[in-house]
Amino acid sequence: MVLFVIMYSGPVLALEKDEKSPVHASDSSGISMVPDGFILRKIQKGETLSKICNADSSCRAIVIKVNRFDNRHFPVGKKVLVPVDIPKAKNYVPVPKTLADSRGEREVRIFLNLQYFGAYENGELLFWGPVSSGKKAKRTPPGKFFVNYKERTKHSLKYDNAPMPYSINYHDGFFMHQQSLPGYPASHGCVRLLPDDAKKLFFWSRLRDPVTLVP
């Protein structure tokens, strides 16, 4: 199990172990927890993200980022974290803020079990975001790698010429790149990113920067 830090101090709402949610942390017993500043809310048929957030753009951005889905995969019928206190919700960090085992000046660390990435400078978290890694039949391999090359407008050579904007190759045929996020592992092995995160990582990272994938 990967140890990680979530900074919150308020009460949490516990769910039953068999209650499936697309998100968030769990304690050692496997019971999911709701971070301070959020509620866990089931999305009803006919609801939209804008309606849930009362057209608040900050709320919409937080919901997408924390729950790890894009606008195409609004999870009707599922439970998601929804911010009720925006300042507190913005402080939610689902990945370690500091790496005790940092591998260099800049490092991308992908937490496969959490489905988030963190971008670190000298072991300190700079920014983070959601990912969608390989599905069960095409699992993304963990390990220690490096940025081999980057390609702004790459297309897949294997999967029907599918677009892979802001591609960062880190191991053989595995890339980090912009693609759809449904809230769970769904790729053919690559690490999918939201558009803004893919662009930000693309221009921030440099060749030979460490890329670490934690199981």
N, C-alpha and C. Protein backbone atom coordinates (compact mmCIF):
# COMPACT_ATOMS: atom_id res chain seq x y z
N MET A 1 0.85 -1.20 0.00
CA MET A 1 0.00 0.00 0.00
C MET A 1 0.87 1.24 0.00
N VAL A 2 0.48 2.24 -0.76
CA VAL A 2 1.21 3.51 -0.82
C VAL A 2 0.71 4.42 0.28
N LEU A 3 1.61 4.98 1.05
CA LEU A 3 1.22 5.93 2.07
C LEU A 3 1.12 7.30 1.45
N PHE A 4 0.06 8.05 1.82
CA PHE A 4 -0.08 9.36 1.25
C PHE A 4 -0.70 10.28 2.27
N VAL A 5 -0.58 11.56 2.05
CA VAL A 5 -1.01 12.56 3.01
C VAL A 5 -2.19 13.33 2.47
N ILE A 6 -3.22 13.45 3.28
CA ILE A 6 -4.37 14.29 2.93
C ILE A 6 -4.57 15.27 4.08
N MET A 7 -4.45 16.52 3.80
CA MET A 7 -4.51 17.52 4.84
C MET A 7 -5.94 18.00 5.04
N TYR A 8 -6.59 17.51 6.10
CA TYR A 8 -7.89 18.03 6.48
C TYR A 8 -8.08 17.75 7.95
N SER A 9 -8.93 18.52 8.61
CA SER A 9 -9.06 18.42 10.06
C SER A 9 -10.50 18.26 10.52
N GLY A 10 -11.46 18.42 9.65
CA GLY A 10 -12.85 18.37 10.04
C GLY A 10 -13.40 16.96 10.11
N PRO A 11 -14.67 16.81 10.45
CA PRO A 11 -15.28 15.49 10.52
C PRO A 11 -15.41 14.87 9.15
N VAL A 12 -15.50 13.56 9.10
CA VAL A 12 -15.67 12.84 7.85
C VAL A 12 -16.92 11.99 7.92
N LEU A 13 -17.43 11.67 6.75
CA LEU A 13 -18.59 10.81 6.63
C LEU A 13 -18.13 9.46 6.15
N ALA A 14 -18.41 8.41 6.94
CA ALA A 14 -17.97 7.07 6.57
C ALA A 14 -19.03 6.37 5.73
N LEU A 15 -18.57 5.60 4.76
CA LEU A 15 -19.44 4.81 3.91
C LEU A 15 -19.23 3.34 4.21
N GLU A 16 -20.18 2.53 3.87
CA GLU A 16 -20.01 1.11 4.00
C GLU A 16 -18.95 0.63 3.02
N LYS A 17 -18.26 -0.45 3.36
CA LYS A 17 -17.16 -0.94 2.52
C LYS A 17 -17.62 -1.33 1.13
N ASP A 18 -18.85 -1.81 1.01
CA ASP A 18 -19.30 -2.29 -0.29
C ASP A 18 -20.00 -1.21 -1.10
N GLU A 19 -20.01 0.00 -0.59
CA GLU A 19 -20.64 1.11 -1.30
C GLU A 19 -19.64 1.71 -2.25
N LYS A 20 -19.85 1.55 -3.55
CA LYS A 20 -18.86 1.95 -4.53
C LYS A 20 -18.95 3.43 -4.85
N SER A 21 -17.81 4.08 -4.83
CA SER A 21 -17.71 5.48 -5.19
C SER A 21 -16.53 5.63 -6.14
N PRO A 22 -16.59 6.55 -7.10
CA PRO A 22 -15.50 6.66 -8.07
C PRO A 22 -14.28 7.37 -7.54
N VAL A 23 -14.26 7.73 -6.24
CA VAL A 23 -13.23 8.65 -5.79
C VAL A 23 -12.57 8.27 -4.49
N HIS A 24 -11.64 9.01 -4.18
CA HIS A 24 -11.04 9.44 -2.93
C HIS A 24 -10.34 8.42 -2.08
N ALA A 25 -9.97 8.91 -0.90
CA ALA A 25 -9.09 8.17 -0.03
C ALA A 25 -9.83 7.13 0.75
N SER A 26 -9.08 6.20 1.30
CA SER A 26 -9.67 5.26 2.24
C SER A 26 -8.68 5.01 3.35
N ASP A 27 -9.20 4.71 4.54
CA ASP A 27 -8.31 4.40 5.64
C ASP A 27 -7.90 2.94 5.57
N SER A 28 -7.18 2.46 6.57
CA SER A 28 -6.65 1.11 6.54
C SER A 28 -7.73 0.04 6.53
N SER A 29 -8.92 0.38 6.95
CA SER A 29 -10.01 -0.60 6.97
C SER A 29 -10.74 -0.67 5.64
N GLY A 30 -10.43 0.26 4.72
CA GLY A 30 -11.08 0.27 3.42
C GLY A 30 -12.33 1.13 3.38
N ILE A 31 -12.65 1.83 4.47
CA ILE A 31 -13.83 2.69 4.52
C ILE A 31 -13.50 4.04 3.90
N SER A 32 -14.27 4.45 2.93
CA SER A 32 -14.02 5.71 2.27
C SER A 32 -14.32 6.88 3.19
N MET A 33 -13.62 7.99 2.96
CA MET A 33 -13.80 9.17 3.79
C MET A 33 -14.05 10.39 2.93
N VAL A 34 -14.85 11.29 3.45
CA VAL A 34 -15.14 12.53 2.74
C VAL A 34 -14.29 13.64 3.34
N PRO A 35 -13.41 14.26 2.56
CA PRO A 35 -12.54 15.31 3.09
C PRO A 35 -13.33 16.54 3.52
N ASP A 36 -12.74 17.30 4.38
CA ASP A 36 -13.34 18.54 4.87
C ASP A 36 -13.58 19.49 3.69
N GLY A 37 -14.76 20.09 3.65
CA GLY A 37 -15.10 21.01 2.58
C GLY A 37 -15.94 20.38 1.49
N PHE A 38 -16.20 19.07 1.59
CA PHE A 38 -16.97 18.34 0.59
C PHE A 38 -18.17 17.63 1.22
N ILE A 39 -19.10 17.26 0.38
CA ILE A 39 -20.12 16.27 0.72
C ILE A 39 -20.08 15.20 -0.36
N LEU A 40 -20.56 14.03 -0.02
CA LEU A 40 -20.69 12.97 -1.01
C LEU A 40 -22.13 12.98 -1.50
N ARG A 41 -22.32 13.14 -2.81
CA ARG A 41 -23.65 13.38 -3.35
C ARG A 41 -23.89 12.50 -4.56
N LYS A 42 -25.06 11.86 -4.60
CA LYS A 42 -25.42 11.03 -5.75
C LYS A 42 -25.99 11.93 -6.85
N ILE A 43 -25.46 11.76 -8.05
CA ILE A 43 -25.91 12.57 -9.18
C ILE A 43 -27.21 12.00 -9.73
N GLN A 44 -28.23 12.81 -9.75
CA GLN A 44 -29.55 12.37 -10.20
C GLN A 44 -29.71 12.56 -11.71
N LYS A 45 -30.58 11.78 -12.28
CA LYS A 45 -30.86 11.89 -13.70
C LYS A 45 -31.36 13.29 -14.03
N GLY A 46 -30.83 13.87 -15.07
CA GLY A 46 -31.24 15.20 -15.49
C GLY A 46 -30.39 16.31 -14.89
N GLU A 47 -29.58 16.00 -13.89
CA GLU A 47 -28.71 17.01 -13.31
C GLU A 47 -27.50 17.26 -14.20
N THR A 48 -26.95 18.44 -14.11
CA THR A 48 -25.74 18.79 -14.83
C THR A 48 -24.71 19.31 -13.84
N LEU A 49 -23.48 19.35 -14.28
CA LEU A 49 -22.43 19.86 -13.41
C LEU A 49 -22.67 21.33 -13.08
N SER A 50 -23.12 22.09 -14.06
CA SER A 50 -23.39 23.50 -13.84
C SER A 50 -24.50 23.69 -12.81
N LYS A 51 -25.52 22.84 -12.87
CA LYS A 51 -26.63 22.95 -11.93
C LYS A 51 -26.18 22.59 -10.52
N ILE A 52 -25.40 21.55 -10.40
CA ILE A 52 -24.92 21.12 -9.09
C ILE A 52 -24.05 22.19 -8.45
N CYS A 53 -23.27 22.87 -9.27
CA CYS A 53 -22.36 23.89 -8.77
C CYS A 53 -22.94 25.30 -8.81
N ASN A 54 -24.20 25.42 -9.21
CA ASN A 54 -24.83 26.74 -9.31
C ASN A 54 -24.01 27.67 -10.22
N ALA A 55 -23.51 27.10 -11.31
CA ALA A 55 -22.75 27.84 -12.32
C ALA A 55 -21.44 28.42 -11.80
N ASP A 56 -20.94 27.91 -10.66
CA ASP A 56 -19.68 28.37 -10.09
C ASP A 56 -18.53 27.64 -10.79
N SER A 57 -17.69 28.38 -11.50
CA SER A 57 -16.62 27.75 -12.27
C SER A 57 -15.58 27.08 -11.37
N SER A 58 -15.31 27.65 -10.20
CA SER A 58 -14.37 27.03 -9.27
C SER A 58 -14.88 25.69 -8.78
N CYS A 59 -16.16 25.63 -8.48
CA CYS A 59 -16.78 24.39 -8.06
C CYS A 59 -16.69 23.35 -9.16
N ARG A 60 -17.00 23.73 -10.38
CA ARG A 60 -16.96 22.78 -11.51
C ARG A 60 -15.56 22.21 -11.69
N ALA A 61 -14.56 23.08 -11.61
CA ALA A 61 -13.19 22.63 -11.79
C ALA A 61 -12.78 21.65 -10.70
N ILE A 62 -13.19 21.91 -9.47
CA ILE A 62 -12.85 21.03 -8.35
C ILE A 62 -13.53 19.68 -8.50
N VAL A 63 -14.81 19.68 -8.88
CA VAL A 63 -15.55 18.43 -9.04
C VAL A 63 -14.88 17.55 -10.09
N ILE A 64 -14.52 18.12 -11.20
CA ILE A 64 -13.88 17.36 -12.28
C ILE A 64 -12.53 16.82 -11.83
N LYS A 65 -11.73 17.67 -11.20
CA LYS A 65 -10.38 17.29 -10.80
C LYS A 65 -10.38 16.21 -9.72
N VAL A 66 -11.17 16.40 -8.69
CA VAL A 66 -11.16 15.48 -7.55
C VAL A 66 -11.81 14.14 -7.90
N ASN A 67 -12.88 14.18 -8.70
CA ASN A 67 -13.59 12.95 -9.04
C ASN A 67 -13.05 12.26 -10.28
N ARG A 68 -12.11 12.90 -10.97
CA ARG A 68 -11.33 12.27 -12.04
C ARG A 68 -12.16 11.94 -13.29
N PHE A 69 -13.08 12.79 -13.65
CA PHE A 69 -13.81 12.60 -14.90
C PHE A 69 -13.84 13.91 -15.68
N ASP A 70 -14.05 13.79 -17.00
CA ASP A 70 -14.17 14.99 -17.82
C ASP A 70 -15.64 15.26 -18.13
N ASN A 71 -15.89 16.30 -18.90
CA ASN A 71 -17.27 16.70 -19.18
C ASN A 71 -18.06 15.65 -19.95
N ARG A 72 -17.37 14.78 -20.68
CA ARG A 72 -18.04 13.74 -21.46
C ARG A 72 -18.51 12.57 -20.60
N HIS A 73 -18.02 12.49 -19.38
CA HIS A 73 -18.30 11.32 -18.54
C HIS A 73 -18.94 11.72 -17.22
N PHE A 74 -19.92 12.60 -17.28
CA PHE A 74 -20.62 13.02 -16.08
C PHE A 74 -21.33 11.81 -15.49
N PRO A 75 -20.98 11.40 -14.26
CA PRO A 75 -21.41 10.09 -13.73
C PRO A 75 -22.81 10.09 -13.11
N VAL A 76 -23.82 10.18 -13.93
CA VAL A 76 -25.21 10.15 -13.45
C VAL A 76 -25.46 8.82 -12.74
N GLY A 77 -26.06 8.91 -11.56
CA GLY A 77 -26.38 7.71 -10.79
C GLY A 77 -25.28 7.29 -9.83
N LYS A 78 -24.11 7.94 -9.90
CA LYS A 78 -23.00 7.61 -9.01
C LYS A 78 -22.77 8.71 -7.99
N LYS A 79 -22.05 8.36 -6.94
CA LYS A 79 -21.75 9.33 -5.90
C LYS A 79 -20.42 10.01 -6.17
N VAL A 80 -20.40 11.31 -6.03
CA VAL A 80 -19.19 12.08 -6.26
C VAL A 80 -18.99 13.08 -5.12
N LEU A 81 -17.76 13.53 -4.98
CA LEU A 81 -17.46 14.58 -4.02
C LEU A 81 -17.85 15.92 -4.62
N VAL A 82 -18.62 16.69 -3.88
CA VAL A 82 -19.04 18.02 -4.32
C VAL A 82 -18.63 19.03 -3.24
N PRO A 83 -17.93 20.09 -3.60
CA PRO A 83 -17.50 21.06 -2.59
C PRO A 83 -18.67 21.87 -2.04
N VAL A 84 -18.66 22.03 -0.72
CA VAL A 84 -19.63 22.91 -0.06
C VAL A 84 -18.93 24.10 0.58
N ASP A 85 -17.62 24.03 0.65
CA ASP A 85 -16.79 25.13 1.15
C ASP A 85 -15.60 25.23 0.19
N ILE A 86 -15.67 26.16 -0.76
CA ILE A 86 -14.67 26.24 -1.82
C ILE A 86 -13.25 26.44 -1.28
N PRO A 87 -13.00 27.37 -0.36
CA PRO A 87 -11.63 27.53 0.16
C PRO A 87 -11.07 26.25 0.76
N LYS A 88 -11.89 25.54 1.54
CA LYS A 88 -11.42 24.29 2.13
C LYS A 88 -11.22 23.23 1.05
N ALA A 89 -12.15 23.17 0.10
CA ALA A 89 -12.05 22.16 -0.96
C ALA A 89 -10.80 22.38 -1.80
N LYS A 90 -10.42 23.62 -2.01
CA LYS A 90 -9.21 23.92 -2.80
C LYS A 90 -7.94 23.45 -2.10
N ASN A 91 -8.02 23.27 -0.79
CA ASN A 91 -6.86 22.82 -0.03
C ASN A 91 -6.71 21.30 -0.02
N TYR A 92 -7.68 20.61 -0.56
CA TYR A 92 -7.63 19.15 -0.58
C TYR A 92 -6.51 18.68 -1.50
N VAL A 93 -5.65 17.84 -0.97
CA VAL A 93 -4.52 17.31 -1.74
C VAL A 93 -4.49 15.79 -1.54
N PRO A 94 -4.82 15.00 -2.57
CA PRO A 94 -4.91 13.55 -2.41
C PRO A 94 -3.59 12.81 -2.62
N VAL A 95 -2.50 13.54 -2.86
CA VAL A 95 -1.19 12.92 -3.07
C VAL A 95 -0.22 13.52 -2.05
N PRO A 96 0.93 12.90 -1.83
CA PRO A 96 1.89 13.45 -0.86
C PRO A 96 2.34 14.86 -1.25
N LYS A 97 2.43 15.72 -0.26
CA LYS A 97 2.94 17.07 -0.52
C LYS A 97 4.46 17.10 -0.60
N THR A 98 5.10 16.11 0.00
CA THR A 98 6.55 16.01 -0.01
C THR A 98 6.96 14.58 -0.29
N LEU A 99 7.99 14.38 -1.09
CA LEU A 99 8.52 13.05 -1.37
C LEU A 99 9.80 12.83 -0.57
N ALA A 100 9.78 11.82 0.27
CA ALA A 100 10.98 11.50 1.03
C ALA A 100 12.03 10.83 0.14
N ASP A 101 11.57 10.26 -0.97
CA ASP A 101 12.46 9.54 -1.88
C ASP A 101 12.51 10.19 -3.25
N SER A 102 12.53 11.52 -3.27
CA SER A 102 12.57 12.26 -4.53
C SER A 102 13.73 11.80 -5.39
N ARG A 103 13.48 11.76 -6.72
CA ARG A 103 14.49 11.27 -7.65
C ARG A 103 15.22 12.38 -8.42
N GLY A 104 14.92 13.63 -8.11
CA GLY A 104 15.61 14.69 -8.83
C GLY A 104 14.96 16.04 -8.69
N GLU A 105 15.45 16.99 -9.49
CA GLU A 105 14.94 18.36 -9.44
C GLU A 105 13.48 18.42 -9.82
N ARG A 106 13.11 17.70 -10.88
CA ARG A 106 11.71 17.61 -11.31
C ARG A 106 11.36 16.12 -11.41
N GLU A 107 10.18 15.77 -10.95
CA GLU A 107 9.73 14.38 -11.04
C GLU A 107 8.22 14.34 -11.21
N VAL A 108 7.76 13.51 -12.13
CA VAL A 108 6.33 13.20 -12.24
C VAL A 108 6.11 11.87 -11.53
N ARG A 109 5.25 11.86 -10.55
CA ARG A 109 4.93 10.62 -9.85
C ARG A 109 3.44 10.32 -10.04
N ILE A 110 3.17 9.12 -10.52
CA ILE A 110 1.80 8.70 -10.80
C ILE A 110 1.40 7.63 -9.81
N PHE A 111 0.33 7.88 -9.08
CA PHE A 111 -0.15 6.97 -8.06
C PHE A 111 -1.29 6.14 -8.65
N LEU A 112 -0.95 4.96 -9.14
CA LEU A 112 -1.91 4.16 -9.90
C LEU A 112 -3.10 3.76 -9.06
N ASN A 113 -2.89 3.45 -7.78
CA ASN A 113 -4.02 3.04 -6.95
C ASN A 113 -4.98 4.18 -6.66
N LEU A 114 -4.45 5.40 -6.64
CA LEU A 114 -5.28 6.58 -6.38
C LEU A 114 -5.84 7.20 -7.65
N GLN A 115 -5.17 6.96 -8.79
CA GLN A 115 -5.52 7.57 -10.07
C GLN A 115 -5.35 9.09 -10.05
N TYR A 116 -4.21 9.51 -9.49
CA TYR A 116 -3.79 10.91 -9.53
C TYR A 116 -2.29 10.95 -9.86
N PHE A 117 -1.83 12.10 -10.35
CA PHE A 117 -0.41 12.33 -10.52
C PHE A 117 -0.01 13.53 -9.68
N GLY A 118 1.27 13.61 -9.38
CA GLY A 118 1.83 14.79 -8.75
C GLY A 118 3.07 15.22 -9.50
N ALA A 119 3.24 16.52 -9.72
CA ALA A 119 4.45 17.07 -10.31
C ALA A 119 5.25 17.72 -9.19
N TYR A 120 6.49 17.28 -9.02
CA TYR A 120 7.29 17.69 -7.88
C TYR A 120 8.56 18.40 -8.33
N GLU A 121 8.92 19.43 -7.59
CA GLU A 121 10.20 20.10 -7.77
C GLU A 121 10.99 19.99 -6.47
N ASN A 122 12.15 19.35 -6.57
CA ASN A 122 12.99 19.11 -5.39
C ASN A 122 12.20 18.45 -4.26
N GLY A 123 11.34 17.52 -4.64
CA GLY A 123 10.58 16.75 -3.66
C GLY A 123 9.34 17.42 -3.12
N GLU A 124 9.06 18.64 -3.56
CA GLU A 124 7.88 19.37 -3.07
C GLU A 124 6.82 19.43 -4.17
N LEU A 125 5.58 19.18 -3.79
CA LEU A 125 4.49 19.16 -4.76
C LEU A 125 4.28 20.54 -5.37
N LEU A 126 4.26 20.59 -6.70
CA LEU A 126 4.02 21.84 -7.41
C LEU A 126 2.58 21.91 -7.91
N PHE A 127 2.10 20.82 -8.54
CA PHE A 127 0.70 20.73 -8.94
C PHE A 127 0.33 19.26 -9.09
N TRP A 128 -0.97 18.98 -9.14
CA TRP A 128 -1.44 17.61 -9.23
C TRP A 128 -2.72 17.55 -10.06
N GLY A 129 -3.12 16.36 -10.43
CA GLY A 129 -4.34 16.20 -11.20
C GLY A 129 -4.73 14.73 -11.31
N PRO A 130 -5.88 14.47 -11.92
CA PRO A 130 -6.36 13.10 -12.07
C PRO A 130 -5.77 12.42 -13.29
N VAL A 131 -5.81 11.10 -13.29
CA VAL A 131 -5.38 10.32 -14.44
C VAL A 131 -6.38 9.20 -14.68
N SER A 132 -6.26 8.58 -15.84
CA SER A 132 -6.92 7.30 -16.12
C SER A 132 -5.85 6.41 -16.72
N SER A 133 -5.45 5.40 -15.97
CA SER A 133 -4.39 4.51 -16.43
C SER A 133 -5.00 3.29 -17.12
N GLY A 134 -4.20 2.27 -17.34
CA GLY A 134 -4.65 1.12 -18.11
C GLY A 134 -5.75 0.30 -17.44
N LYS A 135 -6.71 -0.14 -18.24
CA LYS A 135 -7.77 -0.98 -17.72
C LYS A 135 -7.22 -2.35 -17.37
N LYS A 136 -8.06 -3.21 -16.80
CA LYS A 136 -7.61 -4.48 -16.25
C LYS A 136 -6.83 -5.32 -17.25
N ALA A 137 -7.29 -5.37 -18.49
CA ALA A 137 -6.63 -6.19 -19.50
C ALA A 137 -5.39 -5.53 -20.08
N LYS A 138 -5.19 -4.24 -19.81
CA LYS A 138 -4.06 -3.49 -20.37
C LYS A 138 -3.43 -2.63 -19.28
N ARG A 139 -3.08 -3.24 -18.19
CA ARG A 139 -2.61 -2.50 -17.03
C ARG A 139 -1.35 -1.68 -17.34
N THR A 140 -1.29 -0.51 -16.74
CA THR A 140 -0.11 0.34 -16.84
C THR A 140 0.95 -0.18 -15.88
N PRO A 141 2.15 -0.50 -16.37
CA PRO A 141 3.16 -1.07 -15.48
C PRO A 141 3.76 -0.03 -14.53
N PRO A 142 3.91 -0.38 -13.26
CA PRO A 142 4.62 0.50 -12.33
C PRO A 142 6.12 0.42 -12.57
N GLY A 143 6.84 1.37 -12.02
CA GLY A 143 8.29 1.33 -12.15
C GLY A 143 8.89 2.72 -12.17
N LYS A 144 10.22 2.74 -12.31
CA LYS A 144 10.98 3.99 -12.36
C LYS A 144 11.47 4.21 -13.78
N PHE A 145 11.06 5.34 -14.38
CA PHE A 145 11.38 5.62 -15.78
C PHE A 145 11.86 7.06 -15.91
N PHE A 146 12.03 7.49 -17.17
CA PHE A 146 12.46 8.86 -17.45
C PHE A 146 11.72 9.37 -18.68
N VAL A 147 11.62 10.68 -18.81
CA VAL A 147 11.05 11.29 -20.01
C VAL A 147 12.02 11.03 -21.16
N ASN A 148 11.57 10.28 -22.15
CA ASN A 148 12.41 9.96 -23.30
C ASN A 148 12.28 10.98 -24.43
N TYR A 149 11.04 11.32 -24.76
CA TYR A 149 10.80 12.36 -25.76
C TYR A 149 9.38 12.87 -25.62
N LYS A 150 9.10 14.01 -26.24
CA LYS A 150 7.78 14.62 -26.18
C LYS A 150 7.33 14.95 -27.60
N GLU A 151 6.02 14.86 -27.82
CA GLU A 151 5.47 15.13 -29.15
C GLU A 151 4.13 15.82 -29.00
N ARG A 152 4.05 17.05 -29.45
CA ARG A 152 2.86 17.90 -29.23
C ARG A 152 1.61 17.35 -29.91
N THR A 153 1.71 16.83 -31.11
CA THR A 153 0.51 16.44 -31.86
C THR A 153 0.58 14.97 -32.29
N LYS A 154 1.00 14.13 -31.43
CA LYS A 154 1.16 12.72 -31.75
C LYS A 154 -0.19 12.02 -31.99
N HIS A 155 -0.17 10.99 -32.85
CA HIS A 155 -1.31 10.10 -33.06
C HIS A 155 -0.85 8.66 -32.82
N SER A 156 -1.75 7.86 -32.34
CA SER A 156 -1.42 6.47 -32.01
C SER A 156 -1.08 5.67 -33.27
N LEU A 157 0.02 4.94 -33.20
CA LEU A 157 0.40 4.04 -34.30
C LEU A 157 -0.28 2.69 -34.17
N LYS A 158 -0.90 2.44 -33.04
CA LYS A 158 -1.47 1.12 -32.75
C LYS A 158 -2.98 1.12 -32.70
N TYR A 159 -3.58 2.25 -32.29
CA TYR A 159 -5.03 2.27 -32.07
C TYR A 159 -5.71 3.29 -32.98
N ASP A 160 -5.89 2.93 -34.23
CA ASP A 160 -6.71 3.68 -35.19
C ASP A 160 -6.34 5.15 -35.32
N ASN A 161 -5.06 5.44 -35.22
CA ASN A 161 -4.59 6.80 -35.40
C ASN A 161 -5.21 7.78 -34.40
N ALA A 162 -5.56 7.28 -33.22
CA ALA A 162 -6.21 8.10 -32.20
C ALA A 162 -5.30 9.26 -31.79
N PRO A 163 -5.86 10.45 -31.63
CA PRO A 163 -5.05 11.60 -31.22
C PRO A 163 -4.52 11.45 -29.80
N MET A 164 -3.28 11.86 -29.60
CA MET A 164 -2.64 11.81 -28.29
C MET A 164 -1.93 13.14 -28.04
N PRO A 165 -2.68 14.23 -27.90
CA PRO A 165 -2.04 15.54 -27.74
C PRO A 165 -1.15 15.61 -26.51
N TYR A 166 -0.09 16.40 -26.64
CA TYR A 166 0.84 16.64 -25.54
C TYR A 166 1.41 15.34 -24.99
N SER A 167 1.88 14.49 -25.89
CA SER A 167 2.41 13.19 -25.49
C SER A 167 3.79 13.31 -24.86
N ILE A 168 3.97 12.58 -23.77
CA ILE A 168 5.27 12.46 -23.10
C ILE A 168 5.58 10.97 -23.00
N ASN A 169 6.59 10.53 -23.74
CA ASN A 169 6.96 9.12 -23.68
C ASN A 169 7.92 8.90 -22.51
N TYR A 170 7.63 7.86 -21.71
CA TYR A 170 8.49 7.59 -20.56
C TYR A 170 8.98 6.14 -20.51
N HIS A 171 8.39 5.25 -21.36
CA HIS A 171 8.82 3.85 -21.31
C HIS A 171 8.24 3.11 -22.52
N ASP A 172 9.09 2.61 -23.40
CA ASP A 172 8.64 1.84 -24.56
C ASP A 172 7.47 2.54 -25.24
N GLY A 173 6.31 1.86 -25.36
CA GLY A 173 5.15 2.46 -26.01
C GLY A 173 4.18 3.12 -25.05
N PHE A 174 4.64 3.48 -23.87
CA PHE A 174 3.77 4.10 -22.87
C PHE A 174 4.00 5.60 -22.81
N PHE A 175 2.87 6.33 -22.77
CA PHE A 175 2.90 7.79 -22.78
C PHE A 175 1.98 8.35 -21.70
N MET A 176 2.26 9.57 -21.31
CA MET A 176 1.28 10.43 -20.64
C MET A 176 0.76 11.37 -21.71
N HIS A 177 -0.55 11.55 -21.81
CA HIS A 177 -1.08 12.42 -22.85
C HIS A 177 -2.53 12.79 -22.57
N GLN A 178 -2.99 13.80 -23.25
CA GLN A 178 -4.39 14.23 -23.15
C GLN A 178 -5.30 13.18 -23.76
N GLN A 179 -6.35 12.85 -23.02
CA GLN A 179 -7.38 11.92 -23.52
C GLN A 179 -8.52 11.90 -22.52
N SER A 180 -9.59 11.22 -22.85
CA SER A 180 -10.78 11.23 -22.00
C SER A 180 -10.54 10.57 -20.65
N LEU A 181 -11.21 11.11 -19.62
CA LEU A 181 -11.14 10.57 -18.27
C LEU A 181 -12.55 10.20 -17.81
N PRO A 182 -12.83 8.90 -17.62
CA PRO A 182 -14.15 8.50 -17.18
C PRO A 182 -14.28 8.34 -15.67
N GLY A 183 -13.17 8.53 -14.92
CA GLY A 183 -13.23 8.38 -13.47
C GLY A 183 -12.65 7.08 -12.97
N TYR A 184 -12.07 6.28 -13.86
CA TYR A 184 -11.51 4.98 -13.47
C TYR A 184 -10.50 4.56 -14.54
N PRO A 185 -9.68 3.54 -14.28
CA PRO A 185 -8.71 3.08 -15.29
C PRO A 185 -9.42 2.59 -16.55
N ALA A 186 -9.06 3.14 -17.70
CA ALA A 186 -9.80 2.81 -18.92
C ALA A 186 -8.93 2.82 -20.18
N SER A 187 -7.64 3.10 -20.05
CA SER A 187 -6.80 3.24 -21.24
C SER A 187 -6.26 1.88 -21.69
N HIS A 188 -5.49 1.91 -22.78
CA HIS A 188 -4.81 0.71 -23.27
C HIS A 188 -3.43 0.57 -22.65
N GLY A 189 -3.15 1.34 -21.62
CA GLY A 189 -1.88 1.27 -20.93
C GLY A 189 -1.22 2.61 -20.70
N CYS A 190 -1.57 3.59 -21.54
CA CYS A 190 -1.03 4.94 -21.34
C CYS A 190 -1.70 5.60 -20.13
N VAL A 191 -1.15 6.74 -19.73
CA VAL A 191 -1.70 7.51 -18.62
C VAL A 191 -2.41 8.72 -19.20
N ARG A 192 -3.73 8.71 -19.14
CA ARG A 192 -4.54 9.81 -19.68
C ARG A 192 -4.58 10.98 -18.71
N LEU A 193 -4.62 12.18 -19.28
CA LEU A 193 -4.66 13.41 -18.49
C LEU A 193 -5.73 14.35 -19.01
N LEU A 194 -6.21 15.22 -18.13
CA LEU A 194 -7.10 16.30 -18.56
C LEU A 194 -6.32 17.25 -19.47
N PRO A 195 -7.00 17.96 -20.37
CA PRO A 195 -6.30 18.85 -21.32
C PRO A 195 -5.35 19.84 -20.67
N ASP A 196 -5.81 20.55 -19.65
CA ASP A 196 -4.95 21.55 -19.01
C ASP A 196 -3.74 20.90 -18.34
N ASP A 197 -3.95 19.75 -17.70
CA ASP A 197 -2.85 19.06 -17.04
C ASP A 197 -1.84 18.54 -18.05
N ALA A 198 -2.34 17.98 -19.16
CA ALA A 198 -1.45 17.45 -20.19
C ALA A 198 -0.56 18.56 -20.75
N LYS A 199 -1.15 19.70 -21.05
CA LYS A 199 -0.39 20.83 -21.58
C LYS A 199 0.62 21.34 -20.56
N LYS A 200 0.19 21.44 -19.32
CA LYS A 200 1.07 21.96 -18.27
C LYS A 200 2.27 21.03 -18.05
N LEU A 201 2.00 19.71 -17.98
CA LEU A 201 3.09 18.75 -17.81
C LEU A 201 4.03 18.75 -19.02
N PHE A 202 3.45 18.89 -20.19
CA PHE A 202 4.25 18.86 -21.43
C PHE A 202 5.30 19.97 -21.42
N PHE A 203 4.90 21.17 -21.07
CA PHE A 203 5.82 22.31 -21.12
C PHE A 203 6.69 22.41 -19.87
N TRP A 204 6.24 21.82 -18.77
CA TRP A 204 7.01 21.86 -17.52
C TRP A 204 8.14 20.82 -17.51
N SER A 205 7.86 19.63 -18.01
CA SER A 205 8.83 18.53 -17.95
C SER A 205 9.95 18.72 -18.97
N ARG A 206 11.07 18.08 -18.68
CA ARG A 206 12.22 18.12 -19.56
C ARG A 206 12.72 16.71 -19.83
N LEU A 207 13.45 16.54 -20.90
CA LEU A 207 14.00 15.23 -21.23
C LEU A 207 14.87 14.73 -20.08
N ARG A 208 14.70 13.44 -19.78
CA ARG A 208 15.42 12.73 -18.73
C ARG A 208 14.90 13.03 -17.33
N ASP A 209 13.85 13.81 -17.21
CA ASP A 209 13.21 13.95 -15.90
C ASP A 209 12.67 12.60 -15.44
N PRO A 210 12.79 12.26 -14.16
CA PRO A 210 12.25 11.01 -13.66
C PRO A 210 10.72 10.96 -13.73
N VAL A 211 10.22 9.79 -14.08
CA VAL A 211 8.78 9.50 -14.05
C VAL A 211 8.62 8.22 -13.25
N THR A 212 7.91 8.30 -12.14
CA THR A 212 7.75 7.17 -11.24
C THR A 212 6.29 6.77 -11.17
N LEU A 213 6.00 5.50 -11.42
CA LEU A 213 4.64 4.98 -11.33
C LEU A 213 4.58 4.03 -10.15
N VAL A 214 3.78 4.41 -9.16
CA VAL A 214 3.65 3.64 -7.92
C VAL A 214 2.39 2.78 -8.01
N PRO A 215 2.50 1.48 -7.70
CA PRO A 215 1.31 0.60 -7.82
C PRO A 215 0.23 0.93 -6.80
